[in-house]
Amino acid sequence: MFALQHDHPPSLRQGDIIANVFFPLTRPGLLRYLATYSSGSDTDIKVDPYVEAPLGSKKRYAQSVCHGVVAHGAVISQCCDLDRKHPKASFSLCRLILFDRSRYRNVEALTNNINPWGPEYPYFQFFYYGGIAGLEGEYLADFALLTSLGWTDYDLVLGQKVHQLDDLNRNKFRVKVGAFFGRPAAEDTAAGLSDPYEPAAPVAPGLLERVLAFFRH
């Protein structure tokens, strides 16, 4: 699963495990913005939004308070987008969650990270890592729990790198991420749009589908 040695010189790679990442859970209806006092007294006051350019950034941002958790994360950005010679604006990580085997039916399909385009149900949303140094239990990468970090924090994140996948498992991770975000919906498959650049003839519904559609309407 994991490479015996990390890259030298050190760099981030897709699938790397990073310790102690803050993953925000943004609730738009509950956000509270930071502000500075402008005028007034008691509770009848006016404030100005607190806006600043973070260290290393040219753009200014408003600040708010949001919920979140600190957890280990897996780098989800592709290796070509993590090349230090070609900086990007940001890179992304997904959160690691504790693997509770009792919650899943076909555990082997999950722990083997089977081909997401194969005949078996592959658990598109997860990538199984197993044991992680410094943590108890087994862990999964959950592709649906994401955060993005500014490129200016690249070195800080690199310093928190715990594991690097070996070449085989890094490419399995790449394929599973692509399948999670790029798999076609059933209605698009039926419409012949699994590959929108080479559309196929729509699939005619079978007898059972026609009967069910009749009663639905």
Protein backbone atom coordinates (compact mmCIF):
# COMPACT_ATOMS: atom_id res chain seq x y z
CA MET A 1 0.00 0.00 0.00
CA PHE A 2 2.57 2.59 1.14
CA ALA A 3 5.90 3.49 -0.42
CA LEU A 4 8.93 2.46 1.64
CA GLN A 5 10.52 5.84 0.95
CA HIS A 6 9.00 9.24 0.21
CA ASP A 7 10.03 11.27 -2.83
CA HIS A 8 13.36 13.04 -2.75
CA PRO A 9 13.41 15.97 -2.97
CA PRO A 10 10.22 16.03 -0.84
CA SER A 11 6.97 16.81 -2.65
CA LEU A 12 3.25 16.23 -2.41
CA ARG A 13 1.67 13.44 -4.46
CA GLN A 14 -1.93 12.40 -5.03
CA GLY A 15 -2.99 10.03 -2.26
CA ASP A 16 -0.47 11.33 0.30
CA ILE A 17 -1.75 11.25 3.87
CA ILE A 18 -1.46 14.54 5.74
CA ALA A 19 -1.87 14.84 9.52
CA ASN A 20 -3.98 17.40 11.39
CA VAL A 21 -5.89 19.17 8.63
CA PHE A 22 -8.85 21.43 9.44
CA PHE A 23 -11.89 20.41 7.42
CA PRO A 24 -14.59 23.11 7.56
CA LEU A 25 -18.28 22.26 7.58
CA THR A 26 -19.71 25.46 6.15
CA ARG A 27 -23.34 26.13 7.09
CA PRO A 28 -24.29 29.22 5.05
CA GLY A 29 -27.28 29.99 7.24
CA LEU A 30 -25.18 29.92 10.42
CA LEU A 31 -22.04 31.77 9.32
CA ARG A 32 -20.84 34.58 11.56
CA TYR A 33 -18.54 37.15 9.96
CA LEU A 34 -15.73 38.90 11.79
CA ALA A 35 -15.93 42.69 11.94
CA THR A 36 -14.30 45.71 13.53
CA TYR A 37 -16.09 48.40 15.51
CA SER A 38 -16.96 51.56 13.59
CA SER A 39 -19.30 53.69 15.73
CA GLY A 40 -22.21 53.69 18.17
CA SER A 41 -22.72 52.50 21.74
CA ASP A 42 -24.36 49.73 23.76
CA THR A 43 -25.81 47.28 21.21
CA ASP A 44 -26.67 50.02 18.72
CA ILE A 45 -23.36 49.93 16.90
CA LYS A 46 -22.03 49.87 13.38
CA VAL A 47 -19.24 47.56 12.28
CA ASP A 48 -17.09 47.10 9.21
CA PRO A 49 -16.30 43.63 7.85
CA TYR A 50 -12.81 42.44 8.70
CA VAL A 51 -11.09 42.04 5.34
CA GLU A 52 -7.40 41.33 4.85
CA ALA A 53 -4.90 39.74 2.50
CA PRO A 54 -3.43 36.63 4.18
CA LEU A 55 0.33 36.28 4.33
CA GLY A 56 1.62 35.38 0.87
CA SER A 57 -1.64 36.29 -0.88
CA LYS A 58 -2.35 39.23 -3.18
CA LYS A 59 -6.12 38.91 -2.84
CA ARG A 60 -8.10 40.19 0.13
CA TYR A 61 -10.66 38.01 1.89
CA ALA A 62 -13.48 38.41 4.39
CA GLN A 63 -13.22 36.28 7.53
CA SER A 64 -15.90 34.20 9.17
CA VAL A 65 -16.33 31.63 11.90
CA CYS A 66 -17.44 28.17 10.79
CA HIS A 67 -17.75 24.67 12.20
CA GLY A 68 -15.24 21.98 11.33
CA VAL A 69 -13.07 19.12 12.52
CA VAL A 70 -9.34 18.42 12.59
CA ALA A 71 -8.50 15.09 10.97
CA HIS A 72 -5.99 13.33 8.77
CA GLY A 73 -6.55 14.00 5.08
CA ALA A 74 -5.54 12.55 1.72
CA VAL A 75 -4.29 14.76 -1.11
CA ILE A 76 -6.90 14.51 -3.86
CA SER A 77 -5.34 16.87 -6.43
CA GLN A 78 -3.50 15.15 -9.29
CA CYS A 79 0.28 14.88 -9.18
CA CYS A 80 0.67 17.13 -12.23
CA ASP A 81 -1.21 19.85 -10.32
CA LEU A 82 1.15 19.48 -7.34
CA ASP A 83 4.38 20.16 -9.25
CA ARG A 84 6.33 22.76 -7.29
CA LYS A 85 7.83 24.09 -10.52
CA HIS A 86 4.36 25.09 -11.73
CA PRO A 87 2.49 26.57 -8.73
CA LYS A 88 -1.30 26.68 -8.78
CA ALA A 89 -3.66 28.83 -6.75
CA SER A 90 -4.58 25.94 -4.47
CA PHE A 91 -4.72 22.19 -3.98
CA SER A 92 -7.35 19.95 -2.40
CA LEU A 93 -7.57 17.23 0.22
CA CYS A 94 -10.30 14.83 1.27
CA ARG A 95 -10.91 13.66 4.81
CA LEU A 96 -9.98 10.29 6.30
CA ILE A 97 -12.73 8.58 8.30
CA LEU A 98 -12.63 5.61 10.65
CA PHE A 99 -13.62 2.39 8.90
CA ASP A 100 -16.46 0.58 10.69
CA ARG A 101 -16.72 -2.81 8.98
CA SER A 102 -20.25 -3.40 10.32
CA ARG A 103 -21.62 -0.57 8.16
CA TYR A 104 -20.75 -2.15 4.82
CA ARG A 105 -22.05 -5.26 3.08
CA ASN A 106 -19.30 -6.29 0.70
CA VAL A 107 -16.30 -5.42 2.84
CA GLU A 108 -13.79 -7.13 0.55
CA ALA A 109 -14.81 -4.95 -2.40
CA LEU A 110 -13.97 -1.93 -0.28
CA THR A 111 -10.76 -3.16 1.33
CA ASN A 112 -9.43 -4.38 -2.03
CA ASN A 113 -10.22 -1.05 -3.72
CA ILE A 114 -11.69 -2.98 -6.65
CA ASN A 115 -11.90 -1.54 -10.16
CA PRO A 116 -14.69 1.09 -10.09
CA TRP A 117 -15.51 0.33 -13.74
CA GLY A 118 -15.77 -3.43 -13.13
CA PRO A 119 -18.89 -5.60 -12.72
CA GLU A 120 -19.02 -5.45 -8.90
CA TYR A 121 -20.25 -2.54 -6.79
CA PRO A 122 -16.99 -0.72 -5.92
CA TYR A 123 -17.98 1.84 -3.24
CA PHE A 124 -17.17 4.83 -5.44
CA GLN A 125 -16.97 7.27 -2.54
CA PHE A 126 -14.14 5.63 -0.60
CA PHE A 127 -10.53 4.49 -0.86
CA TYR A 128 -9.32 2.02 1.73
CA TYR A 129 -5.99 2.76 3.44
CA GLY A 130 -6.11 0.43 6.44
CA GLY A 131 -3.83 1.29 9.34
CA ILE A 132 -2.28 4.77 9.59
CA ALA A 133 0.82 5.59 11.63
CA GLY A 134 -0.16 7.26 14.90
CA LEU A 135 -3.86 6.35 14.65
CA GLU A 136 -5.85 3.40 15.95
CA GLY A 137 -8.09 1.37 13.68
CA GLU A 138 -8.54 1.30 9.90
CA TYR A 139 -9.21 4.32 7.72
CA LEU A 140 -10.90 5.29 4.46
CA ALA A 141 -10.49 8.38 2.32
CA ASP A 142 -13.94 9.92 1.82
CA PHE A 143 -13.94 11.75 -1.53
CA ALA A 144 -17.09 13.68 -0.55
CA LEU A 145 -15.47 15.50 2.39
CA LEU A 146 -13.20 18.11 0.81
CA THR A 147 -11.20 21.19 1.60
CA SER A 148 -8.86 23.38 -0.47
CA LEU A 149 -5.66 25.00 0.75
CA GLY A 150 -3.70 27.89 -0.71
CA TRP A 151 -0.45 27.10 -2.50
CA THR A 152 1.38 29.30 0.01
CA ASP A 153 0.79 26.53 2.58
CA TYR A 154 2.40 23.85 0.40
CA ASP A 155 5.53 23.55 2.57
CA LEU A 156 3.53 23.54 5.80
CA VAL A 157 1.35 20.68 4.51
CA LEU A 158 4.38 18.83 3.19
CA GLY A 159 5.83 18.94 6.70
CA GLN A 160 2.73 17.12 7.97
CA LYS A 161 2.98 14.31 5.40
CA VAL A 162 2.68 10.89 7.08
CA HIS A 163 2.45 8.37 4.23
CA GLN A 164 2.93 8.22 0.47
CA LEU A 165 1.20 5.57 -1.63
CA ASP A 166 3.28 3.24 -3.76
CA ASP A 167 2.92 3.64 -7.53
CA LEU A 168 0.29 0.90 -7.95
CA ASN A 169 -2.02 2.12 -5.20
CA ARG A 170 -1.56 5.78 -6.11
CA ASN A 171 -2.92 4.97 -9.57
CA LYS A 172 -5.79 2.99 -8.06
CA PHE A 173 -6.55 6.10 -6.00
CA ARG A 174 -6.47 8.22 -9.18
CA VAL A 175 -8.90 5.92 -10.98
CA LYS A 176 -11.30 5.74 -8.04
CA VAL A 177 -11.33 9.53 -7.63
CA GLY A 178 -12.06 9.92 -11.34
CA ALA A 179 -14.88 7.39 -11.17
CA PHE A 180 -16.46 9.06 -8.14
CA PHE A 181 -16.62 12.47 -9.78
CA GLY A 182 -17.03 11.34 -13.39
CA ARG A 183 -19.38 8.35 -13.32
CA PRO A 184 -22.52 8.93 -15.39
CA ALA A 185 -25.97 8.99 -13.83
CA ALA A 186 -28.32 6.14 -14.79
CA GLU A 187 -30.56 8.52 -16.76
CA ASP A 188 -27.58 9.72 -18.82
CA THR A 189 -26.48 6.15 -19.50
CA ALA A 190 -30.00 5.32 -20.66
CA ALA A 191 -29.95 8.40 -22.90
CA GLY A 192 -26.70 7.23 -24.52
CA LEU A 193 -24.67 10.03 -22.93
CA SER A 194 -22.14 8.06 -20.88
CA ASP A 195 -19.60 9.48 -23.32
CA PRO A 196 -21.05 12.84 -24.39
CA TYR A 197 -18.32 13.24 -27.04
CA GLU A 198 -19.51 10.07 -28.78
CA PRO A 199 -23.24 9.85 -27.98
CA ALA A 200 -24.90 6.48 -28.51
CA ALA A 201 -28.48 5.61 -29.31
CA PRO A 202 -30.73 5.79 -26.23
CA VAL A 203 -31.39 2.48 -24.52
CA ALA A 204 -35.04 1.43 -24.98
CA PRO A 205 -36.69 0.72 -21.61
CA GLY A 206 -37.64 -2.89 -20.93
CA LEU A 207 -41.15 -4.13 -20.18
CA LEU A 208 -40.74 -3.80 -16.43
CA GLU A 209 -39.46 -0.23 -16.72
CA ARG A 210 -42.40 0.70 -18.98
CA VAL A 211 -44.92 -0.80 -16.54
CA LEU A 212 -43.38 1.02 -13.58
CA ALA A 213 -43.31 4.28 -15.53
CA PHE A 214 -47.01 3.83 -16.40
CA PHE A 215 -48.03 3.49 -12.76
CA ARG A 216 -45.80 6.37 -11.67
CA HIS A 217 -47.69 8.69 -13.98
